[in-house]
Amino acid sequence: FADGGRVIKSMRTDYAEFVDHPDRPAMIHRMMREQ
């Protein structure tokens, strides 16, 4: 966000393949941090 709220860039990562993974929370947290 810039200028008090205007979105200037967005990134989206799908993780459907990891929904049932036993370490899903840790994996998703790592993906979030990296993104």
Full PDB file with SEQRES, HELIX, SHEET, SSBOND, CRYST1, ORIGX, SCALE, CONECT and MASTER records, all heavy atoms in Angstrom:
SEQRES   1 A   35  PHE ALA ASP GLY GLY ARG VAL ILE LYS SER MET ARG THR          
SEQRES   2 A   35  ASP TYR ALA GLU PHE VAL ASP HIS PRO ASP ARG PRO ALA          
SEQRES   3 A   35  MET ILE HIS ARG MET MET ARG GLU GLN                          
HELIX    1 AA1 ALA A   16  PHE A   18  5                                   3    
HELIX    2 AA2 ARG A   24  GLU A   34  1                                  11    
CRYST1    1.000    1.000    1.000  90.00  90.00  90.00 P 1           1          
ORIGX1      1.000000  0.000000  0.000000        0.00000                         
ORIGX2      0.000000  1.000000  0.000000        0.00000                         
ORIGX3      0.000000  0.000000  1.000000        0.00000                         
SCALE1      1.000000  0.000000  0.000000        0.00000                         
SCALE2      0.000000  1.000000  0.000000        0.00000                         
SCALE3      0.000000  0.000000  1.000000        0.00000                         
ATOM      1  N   PHE A   1       0.836  -1.194   0.000  1.00  0.00           N  
ATOM      2  CA  PHE A   1       0.000   0.000   0.000  1.00  0.00           C  
ATOM      3  C   PHE A   1       0.876   1.250   0.000  1.00  0.00           C  
ATOM      4  O   PHE A   1       1.915   1.301   0.652  1.00  0.00           O  
ATOM      5  CB  PHE A   1      -0.870   0.061   1.266  1.00  0.00           C  
ATOM      6  CG  PHE A   1      -1.860  -1.063   1.388  1.00  0.00           C  
ATOM      7  CD1 PHE A   1      -1.523  -2.218   2.071  1.00  0.00           C  
ATOM      8  CD2 PHE A   1      -3.130  -0.943   0.843  1.00  0.00           C  
ATOM      9  CE1 PHE A   1      -2.438  -3.254   2.204  1.00  0.00           C  
ATOM     10  CE2 PHE A   1      -4.049  -1.974   0.972  1.00  0.00           C  
ATOM     11  CZ  PHE A   1      -3.705  -3.132   1.656  1.00  0.00           C  
ATOM     12  N   ALA A   2       0.419   2.277  -0.709  1.00  0.00           N  
ATOM     13  CA  ALA A   2       1.068   3.586  -0.718  1.00  0.00           C  
ATOM     14  C   ALA A   2      -0.021   4.643  -0.609  1.00  0.00           C  
ATOM     15  O   ALA A   2      -1.212   4.346  -0.739  1.00  0.00           O  
ATOM     16  CB  ALA A   2       1.857   3.781  -2.009  1.00  0.00           C  
ATOM     17  N   ASP A   3       0.382   5.861  -0.387  1.00  0.00           N  
ATOM     18  CA  ASP A   3      -0.547   6.992  -0.370  1.00  0.00           C  
ATOM     19  C   ASP A   3      -1.722   6.783   0.580  1.00  0.00           C  
ATOM     20  O   ASP A   3      -2.867   7.095   0.247  1.00  0.00           O  
ATOM     21  CB  ASP A   3      -1.092   7.270  -1.777  1.00  0.00           C  
ATOM     22  CG  ASP A   3       0.010   7.566  -2.776  1.00  0.00           C  
ATOM     23  OD1 ASP A   3       1.041   8.123  -2.369  1.00  0.00           O  
ATOM     24  OD2 ASP A   3      -0.164   7.234  -3.959  1.00  0.00           O  
ATOM     25  N   GLY A   4      -1.457   6.204   1.728  1.00  0.00           N  
ATOM     26  CA  GLY A   4      -2.499   6.054   2.724  1.00  0.00           C  
ATOM     27  C   GLY A   4      -3.547   5.007   2.398  1.00  0.00           C  
ATOM     28  O   GLY A   4      -4.651   5.049   2.911  1.00  0.00           O  
ATOM     29  N   GLY A   5      -3.250   4.047   1.532  1.00  0.00           N  
ATOM     30  CA  GLY A   5      -4.199   2.976   1.306  1.00  0.00           C  
ATOM     31  C   GLY A   5      -4.333   2.484  -0.118  1.00  0.00           C  
ATOM     32  O   GLY A   5      -5.003   1.493  -0.358  1.00  0.00           O  
ATOM     33  N   ARG A   6      -3.684   3.131  -1.065  1.00  0.00           N  
ATOM     34  CA  ARG A   6      -3.774   2.691  -2.463  1.00  0.00           C  
ATOM     35  C   ARG A   6      -2.871   1.472  -2.672  1.00  0.00           C  
ATOM     36  O   ARG A   6      -1.682   1.505  -2.379  1.00  0.00           O  
ATOM     37  CB  ARG A   6      -3.324   3.830  -3.378  1.00  0.00           C  
ATOM     38  CG  ARG A   6      -3.414   3.517  -4.853  1.00  0.00           C  
ATOM     39  CD  ARG A   6      -3.124   4.754  -5.688  1.00  0.00           C  
ATOM     40  NE  ARG A   6      -1.819   5.325  -5.383  1.00  0.00           N  
ATOM     41  CZ  ARG A   6      -0.722   5.113  -6.110  1.00  0.00           C  
ATOM     42  NH1 ARG A   6      -0.777   4.348  -7.174  1.00  0.00           N  
ATOM     43  NH2 ARG A   6       0.416   5.677  -5.773  1.00  0.00           N  
ATOM     44  N   VAL A   7      -3.439   0.368  -3.172  1.00  0.00           N  
ATOM     45  CA  VAL A   7      -2.661  -0.843  -3.446  1.00  0.00           C  
ATOM     46  C   VAL A   7      -1.872  -0.631  -4.734  1.00  0.00           C  
ATOM     47  O   VAL A   7      -2.449  -0.345  -5.778  1.00  0.00           O  
ATOM     48  CB  VAL A   7      -3.568  -2.084  -3.581  1.00  0.00           C  
ATOM     49  CG1 VAL A   7      -2.756  -3.311  -3.960  1.00  0.00           C  
ATOM     50  CG2 VAL A   7      -4.338  -2.334  -2.299  1.00  0.00           C  
ATOM     51  N   ILE A   8      -0.549  -0.767  -4.637  1.00  0.00           N  
ATOM     52  CA  ILE A   8       0.265  -0.599  -5.840  1.00  0.00           C  
ATOM     53  C   ILE A   8       0.834  -1.921  -6.355  1.00  0.00           C  
ATOM     54  O   ILE A   8       1.280  -1.993  -7.489  1.00  0.00           O  
ATOM     55  CB  ILE A   8       1.392   0.438  -5.646  1.00  0.00           C  
ATOM     56  CG1 ILE A   8       2.342   0.032  -4.534  1.00  0.00           C  
ATOM     57  CG2 ILE A   8       0.805   1.807  -5.385  1.00  0.00           C  
ATOM     58  CD1 ILE A   8       3.572   0.924  -4.448  1.00  0.00           C  
ATOM     59  N   LYS A   9       0.780  -2.957  -5.528  1.00  0.00           N  
ATOM     60  CA  LYS A   9       1.244  -4.272  -5.975  1.00  0.00           C  
ATOM     61  C   LYS A   9       0.614  -5.330  -5.072  1.00  0.00           C  
ATOM     62  O   LYS A   9       0.477  -5.122  -3.877  1.00  0.00           O  
ATOM     63  CB  LYS A   9       2.778  -4.361  -5.898  1.00  0.00           C  
ATOM     64  CG  LYS A   9       3.351  -5.692  -6.311  1.00  0.00           C  
ATOM     65  CD  LYS A   9       3.154  -5.959  -7.784  1.00  0.00           C  
ATOM     66  CE  LYS A   9       3.798  -7.299  -8.167  1.00  0.00           C  
ATOM     67  NZ  LYS A   9       3.592  -7.638  -9.542  1.00  0.00           N  
ATOM     68  N   SER A  10       0.240  -6.444  -5.670  1.00  0.00           N  
ATOM     69  CA  SER A  10      -0.281  -7.585  -4.920  1.00  0.00           C  
ATOM     70  C   SER A  10       0.400  -8.850  -5.395  1.00  0.00           C  
ATOM     71  O   SER A  10       0.755  -8.970  -6.569  1.00  0.00           O  
ATOM     72  CB  SER A  10      -1.791  -7.738  -5.129  1.00  0.00           C  
ATOM     73  OG  SER A  10      -2.486  -6.652  -4.578  1.00  0.00           O  
ATOM     74  N   MET A  11       0.570  -9.780  -4.477  1.00  0.00           N  
ATOM     75  CA  MET A  11       1.084 -11.110  -4.788  1.00  0.00           C  
ATOM     76  C   MET A  11       0.109 -12.115  -4.195  1.00  0.00           C  
ATOM     77  O   MET A  11      -0.393 -11.913  -3.092  1.00  0.00           O  
ATOM     78  CB  MET A  11       2.451 -11.353  -4.143  1.00  0.00           C  
ATOM     79  CG  MET A  11       3.581 -10.560  -4.654  1.00  0.00           C  
ATOM     80  SD  MET A  11       5.080 -11.030  -3.738  1.00  0.00           S  
ATOM     81  CE  MET A  11       6.282 -10.002  -4.520  1.00  0.00           C  
ATOM     82  N   ARG A  12      -0.116 -13.194  -4.926  1.00  0.00           N  
ATOM     83  CA  ARG A  12      -1.013 -14.242  -4.435  1.00  0.00           C  
ATOM     84  C   ARG A  12      -0.354 -15.593  -4.695  1.00  0.00           C  
ATOM     85  O   ARG A  12       0.111 -15.860  -5.805  1.00  0.00           O  
ATOM     86  CB  ARG A  12      -2.342 -14.160  -5.156  1.00  0.00           C  
ATOM     87  CG  ARG A  12      -3.313 -15.247  -4.752  1.00  0.00           C  
ATOM     88  CD  ARG A  12      -4.591 -15.115  -5.540  1.00  0.00           C  
ATOM     89  NE  ARG A  12      -5.392 -16.316  -5.365  1.00  0.00           N  
ATOM     90  CZ  ARG A  12      -6.703 -16.332  -5.335  1.00  0.00           C  
ATOM     91  NH1 ARG A  12      -7.371 -15.211  -5.495  1.00  0.00           N  
ATOM     92  NH2 ARG A  12      -7.348 -17.444  -5.173  1.00  0.00           N  
ATOM     93  N   THR A  13      -0.348 -16.429  -3.667  1.00  0.00           N  
ATOM     94  CA  THR A  13       0.191 -17.775  -3.789  1.00  0.00           C  
ATOM     95  C   THR A  13      -0.865 -18.763  -3.328  1.00  0.00           C  
ATOM     96  O   THR A  13      -1.385 -18.648  -2.212  1.00  0.00           O  
ATOM     97  CB  THR A  13       1.464 -17.940  -2.925  1.00  0.00           C  
ATOM     98  OG1 THR A  13       2.437 -16.998  -3.347  1.00  0.00           O  
ATOM     99  CG2 THR A  13       2.022 -19.344  -3.049  1.00  0.00           C  
ATOM    100  N   ASP A  14      -1.176 -19.728  -4.179  1.00  0.00           N  
ATOM    101  CA  ASP A  14      -2.136 -20.763  -3.854  1.00  0.00           C  
ATOM    102  C   ASP A  14      -1.411 -21.892  -3.117  1.00  0.00           C  
ATOM    103  O   ASP A  14      -0.290 -22.235  -3.469  1.00  0.00           O  
ATOM    104  CB  ASP A  14      -2.763 -21.299  -5.142  1.00  0.00           C  
ATOM    105  CG  ASP A  14      -3.782 -22.375  -4.871  1.00  0.00           C  
ATOM    106  OD1 ASP A  14      -4.873 -22.032  -4.368  1.00  0.00           O  
ATOM    107  OD2 ASP A  14      -3.485 -23.554  -5.150  1.00  0.00           O  
ATOM    108  N   TYR A  15      -2.053 -22.447  -2.083  1.00  0.00           N  
ATOM    109  CA  TYR A  15      -1.440 -23.574  -1.386  1.00  0.00           C  
ATOM    110  C   TYR A  15      -2.405 -24.748  -1.225  1.00  0.00           C  
ATOM    111  O   TYR A  15      -2.279 -25.564  -0.304  1.00  0.00           O  
ATOM    112  CB  TYR A  15      -0.851 -23.152  -0.035  1.00  0.00           C  
ATOM    113  CG  TYR A  15      -1.819 -22.673   1.023  1.00  0.00           C  
ATOM    114  CD1 TYR A  15      -2.476 -23.584   1.856  1.00  0.00           C  
ATOM    115  CD2 TYR A  15      -2.043 -21.325   1.220  1.00  0.00           C  
ATOM    116  CE1 TYR A  15      -3.347 -23.152   2.844  1.00  0.00           C  
ATOM    117  CE2 TYR A  15      -2.907 -20.882   2.204  1.00  0.00           C  
ATOM    118  CZ  TYR A  15      -3.554 -21.806   3.013  1.00  0.00           C  
ATOM    119  OH  TYR A  15      -4.406 -21.384   3.998  1.00  0.00           O  
ATOM    120  N   ALA A  16      -3.329 -24.893  -2.165  1.00  0.00           N  
ATOM    121  CA  ALA A  16      -4.308 -25.987  -2.109  1.00  0.00           C  
ATOM    122  C   ALA A  16      -3.638 -27.353  -1.977  1.00  0.00           C  
ATOM    123  O   ALA A  16      -4.150 -28.239  -1.291  1.00  0.00           O  
ATOM    124  CB  ALA A  16      -5.203 -25.954  -3.341  1.00  0.00           C  
ATOM    125  N   GLU A  17      -2.486 -27.523  -2.594  1.00  0.00           N  
ATOM    126  CA  GLU A  17      -1.800 -28.812  -2.536  1.00  0.00           C  
ATOM    127  C   GLU A  17      -1.292 -29.160  -1.133  1.00  0.00           C  
ATOM    128  O   GLU A  17      -0.966 -30.324  -0.869  1.00  0.00           O  
ATOM    129  CB  GLU A  17      -0.640 -28.838  -3.529  1.00  0.00           C  
ATOM    130  CG  GLU A  17       0.471 -27.836  -3.180  1.00  0.00           C  
ATOM    131  CD  GLU A  17       1.491 -27.707  -4.285  1.00  0.00           C  
ATOM    132  OE1 GLU A  17       2.413 -28.536  -4.345  1.00  0.00           O  
ATOM    133  OE2 GLU A  17       1.339 -26.767  -5.088  1.00  0.00           O  
ATOM    134  N   PHE A  18      -1.239 -28.176  -0.229  1.00  0.00           N  
ATOM    135  CA  PHE A  18      -0.725 -28.417   1.121  1.00  0.00           C  
ATOM    136  C   PHE A  18      -1.802 -28.438   2.203  1.00  0.00           C  
ATOM    137  O   PHE A  18      -1.489 -28.580   3.383  1.00  0.00           O  
ATOM    138  CB  PHE A  18       0.306 -27.341   1.496  1.00  0.00           C  
ATOM    139  CG  PHE A  18       1.470 -27.278   0.558  1.00  0.00           C  
ATOM    140  CD1 PHE A  18       1.700 -26.135  -0.192  1.00  0.00           C  
ATOM    141  CD2 PHE A  18       2.331 -28.356   0.407  1.00  0.00           C  
ATOM    142  CE1 PHE A  18       2.777 -26.065  -1.062  1.00  0.00           C  
ATOM    143  CE2 PHE A  18       3.404 -28.300  -0.460  1.00  0.00           C  
ATOM    144  CZ  PHE A  18       3.629 -27.148  -1.209  1.00  0.00           C  
ATOM    145  N   VAL A  19      -3.067 -28.300   1.828  1.00  0.00           N  
ATOM    146  CA  VAL A  19      -4.147 -28.205   2.813  1.00  0.00           C  
ATOM    147  C   VAL A  19      -4.160 -29.393   3.776  1.00  0.00           C  
ATOM    148  O   VAL A  19      -4.376 -29.228   4.976  1.00  0.00           O  
ATOM    149  CB  VAL A  19      -5.514 -28.035   2.119  1.00  0.00           C  
ATOM    150  CG1 VAL A  19      -6.661 -28.268   3.081  1.00  0.00           C  
ATOM    151  CG2 VAL A  19      -5.616 -26.645   1.510  1.00  0.00           C  
ATOM    152  N   ASP A  20      -3.908 -30.582   3.281  1.00  0.00           N  
ATOM    153  CA  ASP A  20      -3.946 -31.773   4.133  1.00  0.00           C  
ATOM    154  C   ASP A  20      -2.570 -32.210   4.630  1.00  0.00           C  
ATOM    155  O   ASP A  20      -2.444 -33.262   5.258  1.00  0.00           O  
ATOM    156  CB  ASP A  20      -4.602 -32.932   3.377  1.00  0.00           C  
ATOM    157  CG  ASP A  20      -6.070 -32.654   3.092  1.00  0.00           C  
ATOM    158  OD1 ASP A  20      -6.740 -32.059   3.961  1.00  0.00           O  
ATOM    159  OD2 ASP A  20      -6.533 -33.009   1.990  1.00  0.00           O  
ATOM    160  N   HIS A  21      -1.557 -31.419   4.386  1.00  0.00           N  
ATOM    161  CA  HIS A  21      -0.197 -31.763   4.822  1.00  0.00           C  
ATOM    162  C   HIS A  21      -0.113 -31.674   6.343  1.00  0.00           C  
ATOM    163  O   HIS A  21      -0.633 -30.729   6.944  1.00  0.00           O  
ATOM    164  CB  HIS A  21       0.805 -30.800   4.179  1.00  0.00           C  
ATOM    165  CG  HIS A  21       2.217 -31.255   4.290  1.00  0.00           C  
ATOM    166  ND1 HIS A  21       2.937 -31.140   5.439  1.00  0.00           N  
ATOM    167  CD2 HIS A  21       3.026 -31.845   3.381  1.00  0.00           C  
ATOM    168  CE1 HIS A  21       4.151 -31.618   5.256  1.00  0.00           C  
ATOM    169  NE2 HIS A  21       4.220 -32.063   3.994  1.00  0.00           N  
ATOM    170  N   PRO A  22       0.522 -32.643   7.001  1.00  0.00           N  
ATOM    171  CA  PRO A  22       0.583 -32.621   8.467  1.00  0.00           C  
ATOM    172  C   PRO A  22       1.312 -31.398   9.040  1.00  0.00           C  
ATOM    173  O   PRO A  22       1.024 -30.974  10.162  1.00  0.00           O  
ATOM    174  CB  PRO A  22       1.316 -33.918   8.833  1.00  0.00           C  
ATOM    175  CG  PRO A  22       1.914 -34.425   7.577  1.00  0.00           C  
ATOM    176  CD  PRO A  22       1.159 -33.821   6.433  1.00  0.00           C  
ATOM    177  N   ASP A  23       2.228 -30.819   8.292  1.00  0.00           N  
ATOM    178  CA  ASP A  23       2.952 -29.623   8.748  1.00  0.00           C  
ATOM    179  C   ASP A  23       2.417 -28.350   8.106  1.00  0.00           C  
ATOM    180  O   ASP A  23       3.136 -27.362   7.975  1.00  0.00           O  
ATOM    181  CB  ASP A  23       4.445 -29.754   8.445  1.00  0.00           C  
ATOM    182  CG  ASP A  23       5.111 -30.846   9.247  1.00  0.00           C  
ATOM    183  OD1 ASP A  23       4.688 -31.085  10.390  1.00  0.00           O  
ATOM    184  OD2 ASP A  23       6.049 -31.480   8.719  1.00  0.00           O  
ATOM    185  N   ARG A  24       1.135 -28.375   7.686  1.00  0.00           N  
ATOM    186  CA  ARG A  24       0.551 -27.239   6.980  1.00  0.00           C  
ATOM    187  C   ARG A  24       0.767 -25.905   7.687  1.00  0.00           C  
ATOM    188  O   ARG A  24       1.244 -24.956   7.058  1.00  0.00           O  
ATOM    189  CB  ARG A  24      -0.943 -27.458   6.724  1.00  0.00           C  
ATOM    190  CG  ARG A  24      -1.591 -26.276   5.976  1.00  0.00           C  
ATOM    191  CD  ARG A  24      -3.103 -26.348   5.984  1.00  0.00           C  
ATOM    192  NE  ARG A  24      -3.658 -26.560   7.298  1.00  0.00           N  
ATOM    193  CZ  ARG A  24      -3.819 -25.600   8.214  1.00  0.00           C  
ATOM    194  NH1 ARG A  24      -3.459 -24.371   7.962  1.00  0.00           N  
ATOM    195  NH2 ARG A  24      -4.347 -25.881   9.390  1.00  0.00           N  
ATOM    196  N   PRO A  25       0.477 -25.768   8.988  1.00  0.00           N  
ATOM    197  CA  PRO A  25       0.655 -24.448   9.606  1.00  0.00           C  
ATOM    198  C   PRO A  25       2.088 -23.920   9.473  1.00  0.00           C  
ATOM    199  O   PRO A  25       2.292 -22.757   9.125  1.00  0.00           O  
ATOM    200  CB  PRO A  25       0.266 -24.673  11.067  1.00  0.00           C  
ATOM    201  CG  PRO A  25      -0.670 -25.834  11.019  1.00  0.00           C  
ATOM    202  CD  PRO A  25      -0.125 -26.724   9.931  1.00  0.00           C  
ATOM    203  N   ALA A  26       3.081 -24.761   9.727  1.00  0.00           N  
ATOM    204  CA  ALA A  26       4.476 -24.315   9.625  1.00  0.00           C  
ATOM    205  C   ALA A  26       4.839 -23.976   8.182  1.00  0.00           C  
ATOM    206  O   ALA A  26       5.533 -22.989   7.922  1.00  0.00           O  
ATOM    207  CB  ALA A  26       5.413 -25.392  10.175  1.00  0.00           C  
ATOM    208  N   MET A  27       4.378 -24.794   7.251  1.00  0.00           N  
ATOM    209  CA  MET A  27       4.678 -24.540   5.840  1.00  0.00           C  
ATOM    210  C   MET A  27       4.051 -23.234   5.372  1.00  0.00           C  
ATOM    211  O   MET A  27       4.701 -22.435   4.698  1.00  0.00           O  
ATOM    212  CB  MET A  27       4.152 -25.691   4.974  1.00  0.00           C  
ATOM    213  CG  MET A  27       4.890 -26.992   5.164  1.00  0.00           C  
ATOM    214  SD  MET A  27       4.146 -28.315   4.193  1.00  0.00           S  
ATOM    215  CE  MET A  27       4.609 -27.805   2.550  1.00  0.00           C  
ATOM    216  N   ILE A  28       2.797 -23.018   5.724  1.00  0.00           N  
ATOM    217  CA  ILE A  28       2.106 -21.803   5.297  1.00  0.00           C  
ATOM    218  C   ILE A  28       2.727 -20.579   5.949  1.00  0.00           C  
ATOM    219  O   ILE A  28       2.910 -19.544   5.305  1.00  0.00           O  
ATOM    220  CB  ILE A  28       0.591 -21.897   5.591  1.00  0.00           C  
ATOM    221  CG1 ILE A  28      -0.022 -23.117   4.912  1.00  0.00           C  
ATOM    222  CG2 ILE A  28      -0.125 -20.618   5.191  1.00  0.00           C  
ATOM    223  CD1 ILE A  28       0.355 -23.330   3.473  1.00  0.00           C  
ATOM    224  N   HIS A  29       3.095 -20.694   7.217  1.00  0.00           N  
ATOM    225  CA  HIS A  29       3.747 -19.568   7.905  1.00  0.00           C  
ATOM    226  C   HIS A  29       5.056 -19.207   7.199  1.00  0.00           C  
ATOM    227  O   HIS A  29       5.350 -18.027   6.978  1.00  0.00           O  
ATOM    228  CB  HIS A  29       3.989 -19.922   9.374  1.00  0.00           C  
ATOM    229  CG  HIS A  29       4.480 -18.769  10.167  1.00  0.00           C  
ATOM    230  ND1 HIS A  29       5.815 -18.527  10.383  1.00  0.00           N  
ATOM    231  CD2 HIS A  29       3.804 -17.762  10.765  1.00  0.00           C  
ATOM    232  CE1 HIS A  29       5.947 -17.434  11.099  1.00  0.00           C  
ATOM    233  NE2 HIS A  29       4.747 -16.946  11.349  1.00  0.00           N  
ATOM    234  N   ARG A  30       5.827 -20.210   6.831  1.00  0.00           N  
ATOM    235  CA  ARG A  30       7.085 -19.965   6.120  1.00  0.00           C  
ATOM    236  C   ARG A  30       6.822 -19.321   4.760  1.00  0.00           C  
ATOM    237  O   ARG A  30       7.496 -18.368   4.360  1.00  0.00           O  
ATOM    238  CB  ARG A  30       7.868 -21.269   5.970  1.00  0.00           C  
ATOM    239  CG  ARG A  30       9.220 -21.092   5.314  1.00  0.00           C  
ATOM    240  CD  ARG A  30      10.079 -22.360   5.302  1.00  0.00           C  
ATOM    241  NE  ARG A  30       9.374 -23.513   4.752  1.00  0.00           N  
ATOM    242  CZ  ARG A  30       8.931 -24.557   5.471  1.00  0.00           C  
ATOM    243  NH1 ARG A  30       9.108 -24.587   6.774  1.00  0.00           N  
ATOM    244  NH2 ARG A  30       8.302 -25.558   4.870  1.00  0.00           N  
ATOM    245  N   MET A  31       5.825 -19.809   4.034  1.00  0.00           N  
ATOM    246  CA  MET A  31       5.480 -19.230   2.735  1.00  0.00           C  
ATOM    247  C   MET A  31       5.040 -17.772   2.889  1.00  0.00           C  
ATOM    248  O   MET A  31       5.411 -16.911   2.077  1.00  0.00           O  
ATOM    249  CB  MET A  31       4.363 -20.037   2.077  1.00  0.00           C  
ATOM    250  CG  MET A  31       4.790 -21.421   1.635  1.00  0.00           C  
ATOM    251  SD  MET A  31       3.400 -22.464   1.124  1.00  0.00           S  
ATOM    252  CE  MET A  31       2.871 -21.632  -0.368  1.00  0.00           C  
ATOM    253  N   MET A  32       4.265 -17.492   3.940  1.00  0.00           N  
ATOM    254  CA  MET A  32       3.818 -16.120   4.190  1.00  0.00           C  
ATOM    255  C   MET A  32       5.013 -15.213   4.460  1.00  0.00           C  
ATOM    256  O   MET A  32       5.104 -14.107   3.912  1.00  0.00           O  
ATOM    257  CB  MET A  32       2.848 -16.089   5.377  1.00  0.00           C  
ATOM    258  CG  MET A  32       1.517 -16.725   5.094  1.00  0.00           C  
ATOM    259  SD  MET A  32       0.510 -16.906   6.579  1.00  0.00           S  
ATOM    260  CE  MET A  32       0.228 -15.198   7.028  1.00  0.00           C  
ATOM    261  N   ARG A  33       5.920 -15.674   5.331  1.00  0.00           N  
ATOM    262  CA  ARG A  33       7.099 -14.876   5.679  1.00  0.00           C  
ATOM    263  C   ARG A  33       7.946 -14.598   4.442  1.00  0.00           C  
ATOM    264  O   ARG A  33       8.401 -13.462   4.217  1.00  0.00           O  
ATOM    265  CB  ARG A  33       7.904 -15.610   6.754  1.00  0.00           C  
ATOM    266  CG  ARG A  33       9.075 -14.817   7.303  1.00  0.00           C  
ATOM    267  CD  ARG A  33       9.815 -15.540   8.414  1.00  0.00           C  
ATOM    268  NE  ARG A  33      10.350 -16.810   7.938  1.00  0.00           N  
ATOM    269  CZ  ARG A  33      10.003 -18.006   8.410  1.00  0.00           C  
ATOM    270  NH1 ARG A  33       9.109 -18.109   9.364  1.00  0.00           N  
ATOM    271  NH2 ARG A  33      10.543 -19.101   7.917  1.00  0.00           N  
ATOM    272  N   GLU A  34       8.151 -15.626   3.605  1.00  0.00           N  
ATOM    273  CA  GLU A  34       8.970 -15.455   2.399  1.00  0.00           C  
ATOM    274  C   GLU A  34       8.319 -14.500   1.400  1.00  0.00           C  
ATOM    275  O   GLU A  34       8.993 -13.665   0.794  1.00  0.00           O  
ATOM    276  CB  GLU A  34       9.232 -16.812   1.756  1.00  0.00           C  
ATOM    277  CG  GLU A  34      10.177 -17.672   2.565  1.00  0.00           C  
ATOM    278  CD  GLU A  34      10.271 -19.108   2.075  1.00  0.00           C  
ATOM    279  OE1 GLU A  34       9.624 -19.451   1.053  1.00  0.00           O  
ATOM    280  OE2 GLU A  34      10.989 -19.893   2.719  1.00  0.00           O  
ATOM    281  N   GLN A  35       7.006 -14.597   1.230  1.00  0.00           N  
ATOM    282  CA  GLN A  35       6.307 -13.709   0.303  1.00  0.00           C  
ATOM    283  C   GLN A  35       6.326 -12.271   0.811  1.00  0.00           C  
ATOM    284  O   GLN A  35       6.524 -11.328   0.035  1.00  0.00           O  
ATOM    285  CB  GLN A  35       4.874 -14.203   0.101  1.00  0.00           C  
ATOM    286  CG  GLN A  35       4.098 -13.409  -0.922  1.00  0.00           C  
ATOM    287  CD  GLN A  35       2.831 -14.116  -1.324  1.00  0.00           C  
ATOM    288  OE1 GLN A  35       2.881 -15.210  -1.879  1.00  0.00           O  
ATOM    289  NE2 GLN A  35       1.689 -13.504  -1.050  1.00  0.00           N  
TER     290      GLN A  35                                                      
MASTER        0    0    0    2    0    0    0    6  289    1    0    3          
END                                                                             
